[in-house]
Amino acid sequence: TKGKAEFVNFSFDVKIEGKNVPRATDLMLHNDKNTPPFPLIQGPVVAAPGSEQAKCLICNKTI
């Protein structure tokens, strides 16, 4: 649970002091390569097309 965290990839065209720079959305390995970064693996949430009238999620009545 106290393993090292390291980036899997990083920016190839941005460098600081001659080293490539990891970005906020780059994949990482945590706990010494033991656990995947689940927030980045989860697929995007896609919004469903809206209906003409909004309905209550609990009672299904028109709002």
N, C-alpha and C. Protein backbone atom coordinates (compact mmCIF):
# COMPACT_ATOMS: atom_id res chain seq x y z
N THR A 1 0.81 -1.20 0.00
CA THR A 1 0.00 0.00 0.00
C THR A 1 0.85 1.27 0.00
N LYS A 2 2.13 1.12 0.15
CA LYS A 2 2.99 2.29 0.15
C LYS A 2 4.01 2.20 -0.97
N GLY A 3 3.60 1.57 -2.07
CA GLY A 3 4.51 1.43 -3.20
C GLY A 3 4.67 2.71 -3.99
N LYS A 4 5.61 2.68 -4.88
CA LYS A 4 5.94 3.83 -5.70
C LYS A 4 4.89 4.04 -6.79
N ALA A 5 4.57 5.29 -7.11
CA ALA A 5 3.69 5.64 -8.23
C ALA A 5 4.55 6.23 -9.34
N GLU A 6 4.30 5.79 -10.57
CA GLU A 6 5.08 6.31 -11.69
C GLU A 6 4.21 6.42 -12.93
N PHE A 7 4.57 7.36 -13.79
CA PHE A 7 3.82 7.58 -15.02
C PHE A 7 4.18 6.53 -16.06
N VAL A 8 3.16 6.10 -16.83
CA VAL A 8 3.37 5.15 -17.92
C VAL A 8 3.79 5.89 -19.18
N ASN A 9 3.16 7.03 -19.45
CA ASN A 9 3.54 7.84 -20.61
C ASN A 9 3.59 9.31 -20.20
N PHE A 10 4.05 10.14 -21.13
CA PHE A 10 4.26 11.55 -20.83
C PHE A 10 4.34 12.31 -22.13
N SER A 11 4.45 13.62 -22.05
CA SER A 11 4.54 14.46 -23.24
C SER A 11 5.91 14.28 -23.89
N PHE A 12 5.90 14.06 -25.20
CA PHE A 12 7.16 13.89 -25.91
C PHE A 12 7.70 15.21 -26.47
N ASP A 13 6.83 16.23 -26.56
CA ASP A 13 7.28 17.49 -27.14
C ASP A 13 7.48 18.61 -26.13
N VAL A 14 7.11 18.39 -24.87
CA VAL A 14 7.34 19.38 -23.83
C VAL A 14 8.39 18.82 -22.87
N LYS A 15 9.42 19.61 -22.63
CA LYS A 15 10.50 19.15 -21.75
C LYS A 15 10.84 20.23 -20.74
N ILE A 16 11.19 19.80 -19.54
CA ILE A 16 11.68 20.70 -18.50
C ILE A 16 13.01 20.14 -18.04
N GLU A 17 14.02 20.97 -18.10
CA GLU A 17 15.38 20.57 -17.74
C GLU A 17 15.81 19.32 -18.51
N GLY A 18 15.38 19.23 -19.78
CA GLY A 18 15.78 18.13 -20.64
C GLY A 18 15.01 16.83 -20.46
N LYS A 19 14.02 16.82 -19.57
CA LYS A 19 13.24 15.60 -19.33
C LYS A 19 11.81 15.79 -19.80
N ASN A 20 11.21 14.72 -20.33
CA ASN A 20 9.82 14.79 -20.77
C ASN A 20 8.91 15.03 -19.57
N VAL A 21 7.77 15.71 -19.80
CA VAL A 21 6.90 16.14 -18.72
C VAL A 21 5.63 15.29 -18.69
N PRO A 22 5.29 14.70 -17.54
CA PRO A 22 4.00 14.00 -17.43
C PRO A 22 2.86 15.02 -17.34
N ARG A 23 1.71 14.65 -17.91
CA ARG A 23 0.54 15.53 -17.90
C ARG A 23 -0.49 15.00 -16.91
N ALA A 24 -1.47 15.82 -16.58
CA ALA A 24 -2.48 15.44 -15.57
C ALA A 24 -3.30 14.23 -16.01
N THR A 25 -3.51 14.04 -17.31
CA THR A 25 -4.35 12.94 -17.77
C THR A 25 -3.56 11.71 -18.20
N ASP A 26 -2.25 11.71 -18.04
CA ASP A 26 -1.43 10.56 -18.42
C ASP A 26 -1.65 9.40 -17.44
N LEU A 27 -1.63 8.19 -17.98
CA LEU A 27 -1.81 7.00 -17.14
C LEU A 27 -0.65 6.83 -16.18
N MET A 28 -0.98 6.32 -15.00
CA MET A 28 0.02 6.05 -13.98
C MET A 28 -0.15 4.64 -13.46
N LEU A 29 0.92 4.08 -12.94
CA LEU A 29 0.87 2.83 -12.19
C LEU A 29 1.10 3.19 -10.73
N HIS A 30 0.25 2.66 -9.86
CA HIS A 30 0.32 2.99 -8.44
C HIS A 30 0.71 1.76 -7.63
N ASN A 31 1.17 1.97 -6.44
CA ASN A 31 1.48 0.90 -5.49
C ASN A 31 2.46 -0.10 -6.10
N ASP A 32 3.53 0.41 -6.65
CA ASP A 32 4.58 -0.41 -7.25
C ASP A 32 4.02 -1.33 -8.34
N LYS A 33 3.28 -0.73 -9.28
CA LYS A 33 2.69 -1.42 -10.45
C LYS A 33 1.65 -2.46 -10.07
N ASN A 34 0.89 -2.20 -9.02
CA ASN A 34 -0.07 -3.18 -8.54
C ASN A 34 -1.52 -2.86 -8.91
N THR A 35 -1.91 -1.60 -8.93
CA THR A 35 -3.31 -1.26 -9.16
C THR A 35 -3.46 -0.32 -10.35
N PRO A 36 -4.48 -0.52 -11.19
CA PRO A 36 -4.69 0.38 -12.33
C PRO A 36 -5.37 1.67 -11.89
N PRO A 37 -5.22 2.73 -12.65
CA PRO A 37 -5.88 4.01 -12.34
C PRO A 37 -7.33 3.98 -12.82
N PHE A 38 -8.25 3.47 -12.02
CA PHE A 38 -9.63 3.26 -12.44
C PHE A 38 -10.35 4.51 -12.95
N PRO A 39 -10.16 5.71 -12.38
CA PRO A 39 -10.87 6.86 -12.94
C PRO A 39 -10.52 7.12 -14.41
N LEU A 40 -9.33 6.78 -14.83
CA LEU A 40 -8.96 7.00 -16.22
C LEU A 40 -9.38 5.84 -17.11
N ILE A 41 -9.57 4.66 -16.56
CA ILE A 41 -9.99 3.51 -17.35
C ILE A 41 -11.49 3.55 -17.61
N GLN A 42 -12.25 4.14 -16.70
CA GLN A 42 -13.71 4.19 -16.85
C GLN A 42 -14.06 4.95 -18.12
N GLY A 43 -14.99 4.42 -18.88
CA GLY A 43 -15.42 5.05 -20.12
C GLY A 43 -16.16 6.35 -19.87
N PRO A 44 -16.29 7.18 -20.90
CA PRO A 44 -16.98 8.46 -20.73
C PRO A 44 -18.48 8.25 -20.52
N VAL A 45 -19.08 9.13 -19.77
CA VAL A 45 -20.52 9.10 -19.55
C VAL A 45 -21.16 9.87 -20.69
N VAL A 46 -22.10 9.24 -21.38
CA VAL A 46 -22.75 9.87 -22.53
C VAL A 46 -24.16 10.26 -22.15
N ALA A 47 -24.53 11.49 -22.43
CA ALA A 47 -25.86 11.97 -22.11
C ALA A 47 -26.87 11.42 -23.11
N ALA A 48 -28.03 11.02 -22.59
CA ALA A 48 -29.11 10.54 -23.45
C ALA A 48 -29.87 11.73 -24.02
N PRO A 49 -30.45 11.59 -25.20
CA PRO A 49 -31.22 12.71 -25.75
C PRO A 49 -32.39 13.05 -24.83
N GLY A 50 -32.67 14.32 -24.69
CA GLY A 50 -33.72 14.77 -23.79
C GLY A 50 -35.11 14.57 -24.36
N SER A 51 -36.08 14.37 -23.47
CA SER A 51 -37.47 14.28 -23.90
C SER A 51 -38.07 15.68 -23.83
N GLU A 52 -39.26 15.83 -24.37
CA GLU A 52 -39.88 17.15 -24.41
C GLU A 52 -40.27 17.63 -23.02
N GLN A 53 -40.71 16.72 -22.16
CA GLN A 53 -41.10 17.10 -20.81
C GLN A 53 -40.27 16.29 -19.81
N ALA A 54 -39.73 16.99 -18.84
CA ALA A 54 -38.93 16.32 -17.81
C ALA A 54 -39.84 15.54 -16.87
N LYS A 55 -39.34 14.37 -16.43
CA LYS A 55 -40.12 13.53 -15.51
C LYS A 55 -39.31 13.30 -14.24
N CYS A 56 -40.03 13.16 -13.14
CA CYS A 56 -39.41 12.86 -11.85
C CYS A 56 -38.81 11.46 -11.90
N LEU A 57 -37.59 11.32 -11.42
CA LEU A 57 -36.93 10.02 -11.44
C LEU A 57 -37.53 9.04 -10.44
N ILE A 58 -38.22 9.55 -9.43
CA ILE A 58 -38.78 8.68 -8.39
C ILE A 58 -40.20 8.24 -8.73
N CYS A 59 -41.08 9.19 -9.02
CA CYS A 59 -42.49 8.84 -9.24
C CYS A 59 -42.89 8.85 -10.71
N ASN A 60 -42.01 9.27 -11.60
CA ASN A 60 -42.22 9.29 -13.05
C ASN A 60 -43.33 10.25 -13.48
N LYS A 61 -43.67 11.23 -12.64
CA LYS A 61 -44.65 12.25 -13.01
C LYS A 61 -43.96 13.37 -13.77
N THR A 62 -44.70 14.03 -14.64
CA THR A 62 -44.16 15.16 -15.39
C THR A 62 -43.91 16.32 -14.44
N ILE A 63 -42.75 16.93 -14.57
CA ILE A 63 -42.38 18.05 -13.70
C ILE A 63 -42.86 19.34 -14.30
